[in-house]
Amino acid sequence: MKSLRKLFLVGVCLASVGVAEAKGPKWEYMVVSAGLQNRSLEQMLNARGAEGWELVAFTRKDVAVFKRTAR
């Protein structure tokens, strides 16, 4: 599972390299294992949103990938 998560994150990062080269915004990413109950998942998503993170993917393995403009 860790290797799948790393592979996915590498793909996301490589996709963002083209954007960075075009002088677009720079992103930072966060990968979270979200194996939670629905209520806890809702609280976690709201908390990340309040911190400026945007959900960009949610895998079948309950892994959430967030991004925000690099600070």
PDB file of N, CA and C in Angstrom:
ATOM      1  N   MET A   1       0.825  -1.197   0.000  1.00  0.00           N
ATOM      2  CA  MET A   1       0.000   0.000   0.000  1.00  0.00           C
ATOM      3  C   MET A   1       0.866   1.256   0.000  1.00  0.00           C
ATOM      4  N   LYS A   2       1.977   1.219   0.776  1.00  0.00           N
ATOM      5  CA  LYS A   2       2.847   2.384   0.820  1.00  0.00           C
ATOM      6  C   LYS A   2       3.451   2.665  -0.547  1.00  0.00           C
ATOM      7  N   SER A   3       3.831   1.588  -1.274  1.00  0.00           N
ATOM      8  CA  SER A   3       4.432   1.796  -2.590  1.00  0.00           C
ATOM      9  C   SER A   3       3.414   2.355  -3.571  1.00  0.00           C
ATOM     10  N   LEU A   4       2.158   1.916  -3.470  1.00  0.00           N
ATOM     11  CA  LEU A   4       1.101   2.460  -4.322  1.00  0.00           C
ATOM     12  C   LEU A   4       0.881   3.941  -4.014  1.00  0.00           C
ATOM     13  N   ARG A   5       0.879   4.286  -2.742  1.00  0.00           N
ATOM     14  CA  ARG A   5       0.696   5.675  -2.322  1.00  0.00           C
ATOM     15  C   ARG A   5       1.845   6.537  -2.841  1.00  0.00           C
ATOM     16  N   LYS A   6       3.078   6.036  -2.705  1.00  0.00           N
ATOM     17  CA  LYS A   6       4.244   6.780  -3.193  1.00  0.00           C
ATOM     18  C   LYS A   6       4.196   6.948  -4.706  1.00  0.00           C
ATOM     19  N   LEU A   7       3.825   5.880  -5.406  1.00  0.00           N
ATOM     20  CA  LEU A   7       3.732   5.945  -6.866  1.00  0.00           C
ATOM     21  C   LEU A   7       2.688   6.972  -7.285  1.00  0.00           C
ATOM     22  N   PHE A   8       1.553   6.984  -6.618  1.00  0.00           N
ATOM     23  CA  PHE A   8       0.503   7.944  -6.932  1.00  0.00           C
ATOM     24  C   PHE A   8       0.990   9.365  -6.689  1.00  0.00           C
ATOM     25  N   LEU A   9       1.649   9.595  -5.550  1.00  0.00           N
ATOM     26  CA  LEU A   9       2.144  10.926  -5.222  1.00  0.00           C
ATOM     27  C   LEU A   9       3.201  11.384  -6.221  1.00  0.00           C
ATOM     28  N   VAL A  10       4.077  10.484  -6.634  1.00  0.00           N
ATOM     29  CA  VAL A  10       5.092  10.829  -7.641  1.00  0.00           C
ATOM     30  C   VAL A  10       4.410  11.259  -8.934  1.00  0.00           C
ATOM     31  N   GLY A  11       3.371  10.525  -9.343  1.00  0.00           N
ATOM     32  CA  GLY A  11       2.628  10.895 -10.552  1.00  0.00           C
ATOM     33  C   GLY A  11       2.004  12.263 -10.441  1.00  0.00           C
ATOM     34  N   VAL A  12       1.412  12.552  -9.291  1.00  0.00           N
ATOM     35  CA  VAL A  12       0.796  13.865  -9.070  1.00  0.00           C
ATOM     36  C   VAL A  12       1.856  14.950  -9.110  1.00  0.00           C
ATOM     37  N   CYS A  13       2.986  14.703  -8.468  1.00  0.00           N
ATOM     38  CA  CYS A  13       4.063  15.697  -8.450  1.00  0.00           C
ATOM     39  C   CYS A  13       4.636  15.928  -9.846  1.00  0.00           C
ATOM     40  N   LEU A  14       4.833  14.847 -10.600  1.00  0.00           N
ATOM     41  CA  LEU A  14       5.355  15.001 -11.956  1.00  0.00           C
ATOM     42  C   LEU A  14       4.383  15.783 -12.830  1.00  0.00           C
ATOM     43  N   ALA A  15       3.096  15.571 -12.640  1.00  0.00           N
ATOM     44  CA  ALA A  15       2.107  16.316 -13.408  1.00  0.00           C
ATOM     45  C   ALA A  15       2.176  17.793 -13.076  1.00  0.00           C
ATOM     46  N   SER A  16       2.489  18.117 -11.825  1.00  0.00           N
ATOM     47  CA  SER A  16       2.554  19.523 -11.433  1.00  0.00           C
ATOM     48  C   SER A  16       3.830  20.201 -11.914  1.00  0.00           C
ATOM     49  N   VAL A  17       4.868  19.429 -12.271  1.00  0.00           N
ATOM     50  CA  VAL A  17       6.122  20.012 -12.752  1.00  0.00           C
ATOM     51  C   VAL A  17       5.876  20.813 -14.023  1.00  0.00           C
ATOM     52  N   GLY A  18       5.070  20.288 -14.926  1.00  0.00           N
ATOM     53  CA  GLY A  18       4.759  21.020 -16.147  1.00  0.00           C
ATOM     54  C   GLY A  18       4.096  22.346 -15.850  1.00  0.00           C
ATOM     55  N   VAL A  19       3.239  22.381 -14.856  1.00  0.00           N
ATOM     56  CA  VAL A  19       2.577  23.623 -14.450  1.00  0.00           C
ATOM     57  C   VAL A  19       3.600  24.589 -13.883  1.00  0.00           C
ATOM     58  N   ALA A  20       4.516  24.105 -13.055  1.00  0.00           N
ATOM     59  CA  ALA A  20       5.520  24.974 -12.447  1.00  0.00           C
ATOM     60  C   ALA A  20       6.434  25.568 -13.507  1.00  0.00           C
ATOM     61  N   GLU A  21       6.780  24.779 -14.517  1.00  0.00           N
ATOM     62  CA  GLU A  21       7.646  25.289 -15.573  1.00  0.00           C
ATOM     63  C   GLU A  21       6.960  26.380 -16.378  1.00  0.00           C
ATOM     64  N   ALA A  22       5.652  26.379 -16.420  1.00  0.00           N
ATOM     65  CA  ALA A  22       4.909  27.392 -17.153  1.00  0.00           C
ATOM     66  C   ALA A  22       4.664  28.627 -16.288  1.00  0.00           C
ATOM     67  N   LYS A  23       5.404  28.760 -15.198  1.00  0.00           N
ATOM     68  CA  LYS A  23       5.315  29.895 -14.276  1.00  0.00           C
ATOM     69  C   LYS A  23       3.957  29.982 -13.593  1.00  0.00           C
ATOM     70  N   GLY A  24       3.306  28.851 -13.435  1.00  0.00           N
ATOM     71  CA  GLY A  24       2.042  28.798 -12.708  1.00  0.00           C
ATOM     72  C   GLY A  24       2.311  28.711 -11.207  1.00  0.00           C
ATOM     73  N   PRO A  25       1.272  28.530 -10.435  1.00  0.00           N
ATOM     74  CA  PRO A  25       1.454  28.439  -8.982  1.00  0.00           C
ATOM     75  C   PRO A  25       2.236  27.182  -8.605  1.00  0.00           C
ATOM     76  N   LYS A  26       2.929  27.245  -7.493  1.00  0.00           N
ATOM     77  CA  LYS A  26       3.640  26.086  -6.963  1.00  0.00           C
ATOM     78  C   LYS A  26       2.760  25.473  -5.887  1.00  0.00           C
ATOM     79  N   TRP A  27       2.698  24.153  -5.877  1.00  0.00           N
ATOM     80  CA  TRP A  27       1.811  23.436  -4.972  1.00  0.00           C
ATOM     81  C   TRP A  27       2.593  22.642  -3.950  1.00  0.00           C
ATOM     82  N   GLU A  28       1.975  22.438  -2.810  1.00  0.00           N
ATOM     83  CA  GLU A  28       2.464  21.458  -1.854  1.00  0.00           C
ATOM     84  C   GLU A  28       1.342  20.450  -1.668  1.00  0.00           C
ATOM     85  N   TYR A  29       1.729  19.208  -1.407  1.00  0.00           N
ATOM     86  CA  TYR A  29       0.761  18.120  -1.325  1.00  0.00           C
ATOM     87  C   TYR A  29       0.816  17.454   0.038  1.00  0.00           C
ATOM     88  N   MET A  30      -0.312  16.877   0.433  1.00  0.00           N
ATOM     89  CA  MET A  30      -0.394  16.102   1.665  1.00  0.00           C
ATOM     90  C   MET A  30      -1.158  14.821   1.356  1.00  0.00           C
ATOM     91  N   VAL A  31      -0.615  13.679   1.773  1.00  0.00           N
ATOM     92  CA  VAL A  31      -1.276  12.391   1.587  1.00  0.00           C
ATOM     93  C   VAL A  31      -1.683  11.889   2.970  1.00  0.00           C
ATOM     94  N   VAL A  32      -2.984  11.576   3.118  1.00  0.00           N
ATOM     95  CA  VAL A  32      -3.523  11.178   4.417  1.00  0.00           C
ATOM     96  C   VAL A  32      -4.220   9.842   4.283  1.00  0.00           C
ATOM     97  N   SER A  33      -3.891   8.914   5.168  1.00  0.00           N
ATOM     98  CA  SER A  33      -4.635   7.669   5.245  1.00  0.00           C
ATOM     99  C   SER A  33      -5.925   7.991   5.985  1.00  0.00           C
ATOM    100  N   ALA A  34      -7.051   7.843   5.306  1.00  0.00           N
ATOM    101  CA  ALA A  34      -8.328   8.328   5.841  1.00  0.00           C
ATOM    102  C   ALA A  34      -9.266   7.196   6.230  1.00  0.00           C
ATOM    103  N   GLY A  35      -8.743   6.084   6.717  1.00  0.00           N
ATOM    104  CA  GLY A  35      -9.586   4.959   7.110  1.00  0.00           C
ATOM    105  C   GLY A  35     -10.382   5.293   8.356  1.00  0.00           C
ATOM    106  N   LEU A  36     -11.370   6.138   8.221  1.00  0.00           N
ATOM    107  CA  LEU A  36     -12.137   6.645   9.346  1.00  0.00           C
ATOM    108  C   LEU A  36     -13.624   6.380   9.160  1.00  0.00           C
ATOM    109  N   GLN A  37     -14.369   6.510  10.224  1.00  0.00           N
ATOM    110  CA  GLN A  37     -15.831   6.459  10.133  1.00  0.00           C
ATOM    111  C   GLN A  37     -16.299   7.714   9.401  1.00  0.00           C
ATOM    112  N   ASN A  38     -17.517   7.700   8.864  1.00  0.00           N
ATOM    113  CA  ASN A  38     -18.021   8.835   8.086  1.00  0.00           C
ATOM    114  C   ASN A  38     -17.942  10.150   8.849  1.00  0.00           C
ATOM    115  N   ARG A  39     -18.327  10.163  10.117  1.00  0.00           N
ATOM    116  CA  ARG A  39     -18.313  11.407  10.894  1.00  0.00           C
ATOM    117  C   ARG A  39     -16.884  11.918  11.067  1.00  0.00           C
ATOM    118  N   SER A  40     -15.955  11.010  11.395  1.00  0.00           N
ATOM    119  CA  SER A  40     -14.553  11.411  11.546  1.00  0.00           C
ATOM    120  C   SER A  40     -13.971  11.876  10.218  1.00  0.00           C
ATOM    121  N   LEU A  41     -14.374  11.220   9.134  1.00  0.00           N
ATOM    122  CA  LEU A  41     -13.911  11.623   7.807  1.00  0.00           C
ATOM    123  C   LEU A  41     -14.391  13.036   7.492  1.00  0.00           C
ATOM    124  N   GLU A  42     -15.639  13.321   7.797  1.00  0.00           N
ATOM    125  CA  GLU A  42     -16.181  14.666   7.572  1.00  0.00           C
ATOM    126  C   GLU A  42     -15.420  15.700   8.382  1.00  0.00           C
ATOM    127  N   GLN A  43     -15.112  15.399   9.627  1.00  0.00           N
ATOM    128  CA  GLN A  43     -14.361  16.329  10.471  1.00  0.00           C
ATOM    129  C   GLN A  43     -12.955  16.545   9.927  1.00  0.00           C
ATOM    130  N   MET A  44     -12.309  15.460   9.473  1.00  0.00           N
ATOM    131  CA  MET A  44     -10.965  15.574   8.926  1.00  0.00           C
ATOM    132  C   MET A  44     -10.965  16.418   7.659  1.00  0.00           C
ATOM    133  N   LEU A  45     -11.935  16.193   6.768  1.00  0.00           N
ATOM    134  CA  LEU A  45     -12.008  16.965   5.522  1.00  0.00           C
ATOM    135  C   LEU A  45     -12.263  18.449   5.812  1.00  0.00           C
ATOM    136  N   ASN A  46     -13.147  18.741   6.750  1.00  0.00           N
ATOM    137  CA  ASN A  46     -13.414  20.137   7.120  1.00  0.00           C
ATOM    138  C   ASN A  46     -12.190  20.800   7.735  1.00  0.00           C
ATOM    139  N   ALA A  47     -11.458  20.060   8.560  1.00  0.00           N
ATOM    140  CA  ALA A  47     -10.250  20.604   9.180  1.00  0.00           C
ATOM    141  C   ALA A  47      -9.195  20.925   8.126  1.00  0.00           C
ATOM    142  N   ARG A  48      -8.960  20.003   7.169  1.00  0.00           N
ATOM    143  CA  ARG A  48      -7.978  20.266   6.115  1.00  0.00           C
ATOM    144  C   ARG A  48      -8.419  21.454   5.263  1.00  0.00           C
ATOM    145  N   GLY A  49      -9.710  21.553   4.959  1.00  0.00           N
ATOM    146  CA  GLY A  49     -10.217  22.688   4.189  1.00  0.00           C
ATOM    147  C   GLY A  49      -9.987  24.010   4.898  1.00  0.00           C
ATOM    148  N   ALA A  50     -10.171  24.019   6.213  1.00  0.00           N
ATOM    149  CA  ALA A  50      -9.946  25.237   7.001  1.00  0.00           C
ATOM    150  C   ALA A  50      -8.477  25.649   6.981  1.00  0.00           C
ATOM    151  N   GLU A  51      -7.590  24.677   6.755  1.00  0.00           N
ATOM    152  CA  GLU A  51      -6.150  24.958   6.669  1.00  0.00           C
ATOM    153  C   GLU A  51      -5.728  25.347   5.254  1.00  0.00           C
ATOM    154  N   GLY A  52      -6.681  25.402   4.337  1.00  0.00           N
ATOM    155  CA  GLY A  52      -6.375  25.802   2.967  1.00  0.00           C
ATOM    156  C   GLY A  52      -6.105  24.650   2.013  1.00  0.00           C
ATOM    157  N   TRP A  53      -6.263  23.403   2.462  1.00  0.00           N
ATOM    158  CA  TRP A  53      -6.020  22.242   1.612  1.00  0.00           C
ATOM    159  C   TRP A  53      -7.252  21.941   0.770  1.00  0.00           C
ATOM    160  N   GLU A  54      -7.024  21.547  -0.463  1.00  0.00           N
ATOM    161  CA  GLU A  54      -8.089  21.156  -1.396  1.00  0.00           C
ATOM    162  C   GLU A  54      -7.947  19.673  -1.699  1.00  0.00           C
ATOM    163  N   LEU A  55      -9.033  18.915  -1.561  1.00  0.00           N
ATOM    164  CA  LEU A  55      -9.011  17.485  -1.868  1.00  0.00           C
ATOM    165  C   LEU A  55      -8.915  17.312  -3.381  1.00  0.00           C
ATOM    166  N   VAL A  56      -7.893  16.575  -3.837  1.00  0.00           N
ATOM    167  CA  VAL A  56      -7.735  16.358  -5.278  1.00  0.00           C
ATOM    168  C   VAL A  56      -7.949  14.911  -5.677  1.00  0.00           C
ATOM    169  N   ALA A  57      -7.850  13.977  -4.718  1.00  0.00           N
ATOM    170  CA  ALA A  57      -8.076  12.563  -5.032  1.00  0.00           C
ATOM    171  C   ALA A  57      -8.394  11.803  -3.757  1.00  0.00           C
ATOM    172  N   PHE A  58      -9.204  10.753  -3.935  1.00  0.00           N
ATOM    173  CA  PHE A  58      -9.501   9.837  -2.835  1.00  0.00           C
ATOM    174  C   PHE A  58      -9.456   8.446  -3.435  1.00  0.00           C
ATOM    175  N   THR A  59      -8.502   7.625  -3.006  1.00  0.00           N
ATOM    176  CA  THR A  59      -8.292   6.326  -3.621  1.00  0.00           C
ATOM    177  C   THR A  59      -9.180   5.257  -3.003  1.00  0.00           C
ATOM    178  N   ARG A  60      -9.214   4.104  -3.653  1.00  0.00           N
ATOM    179  CA  ARG A  60      -9.988   2.966  -3.134  1.00  0.00           C
ATOM    180  C   ARG A  60      -9.386   2.433  -1.844  1.00  0.00           C
ATOM    181  N   LYS A  61      -8.173   2.772  -1.560  1.00  0.00           N
ATOM    182  CA  LYS A  61      -7.500   2.321  -0.334  1.00  0.00           C
ATOM    183  C   LYS A  61      -7.671   3.328   0.799  1.00  0.00           C
ATOM    184  N   ASP A  62      -8.673   4.203   0.695  1.00  0.00           N
ATOM    185  CA  ASP A  62      -8.947   5.227   1.715  1.00  0.00           C
ATOM    186  C   ASP A  62      -7.763   6.150   1.960  1.00  0.00           C
ATOM    187  N   VAL A  63      -7.114   6.568   0.885  1.00  0.00           N
ATOM    188  CA  VAL A  63      -6.028   7.536   0.970  1.00  0.00           C
ATOM    189  C   VAL A  63      -6.517   8.817   0.315  1.00  0.00           C
ATOM    190  N   ALA A  64      -6.427   9.921   1.028  1.00  0.00           N
ATOM    191  CA  ALA A  64      -6.847  11.220   0.507  1.00  0.00           C
ATOM    192  C   ALA A  64      -5.600  12.028   0.137  1.00  0.00           C
ATOM    193  N   VAL A  65      -5.637  12.669  -1.021  1.00  0.00           N
ATOM    194  CA  VAL A  65      -4.530  13.516  -1.473  1.00  0.00           C
ATOM    195  C   VAL A  65      -5.063  14.937  -1.550  1.00  0.00           C
ATOM    196  N   PHE A  66      -4.359  15.839  -0.859  1.00  0.00           N
ATOM    197  CA  PHE A  66      -4.735  17.257  -0.822  1.00  0.00           C
ATOM    198  C   PHE A  66      -3.626  18.085  -1.443  1.00  0.00           C
ATOM    199  N   LYS A  67      -3.989  19.277  -1.920  1.00  0.00           N
ATOM    200  CA  LYS A  67      -2.982  20.228  -2.396  1.00  0.00           C
ATOM    201  C   LYS A  67      -3.399  21.628  -1.960  1.00  0.00           C
ATOM    202  N   ARG A  68      -2.386  22.497  -1.876  1.00  0.00           N
ATOM    203  CA  ARG A  68      -2.611  23.924  -1.645  1.00  0.00           C
ATOM    204  C   ARG A  68      -1.426  24.670  -2.231  1.00  0.00           C
ATOM    205  N   THR A  69      -1.618  25.942  -2.444  1.00  0.00           N
ATOM    206  CA  THR A  69      -0.531  26.770  -2.943  1.00  0.00           C
ATOM    207  C   THR A  69       0.618  26.726  -1.947  1.00  0.00           C
ATOM    208  N   ALA A  70       1.836  26.540  -2.437  1.00  0.00           N
ATOM    209  CA  ALA A  70       2.999  26.467  -1.562  1.00  0.00           C
ATOM    210  C   ALA A  70       3.160  27.756  -0.781  1.00  0.00           C
ATOM    211  N   ARG A  71       3.531  27.607   0.457  1.00  0.00           N
ATOM    212  CA  ARG A  71       3.707  28.775   1.323  1.00  0.00           C
ATOM    213  C   ARG A  71       5.160  29.059   1.559  1.00  0.00           C
TER     214      ARG A  71
END
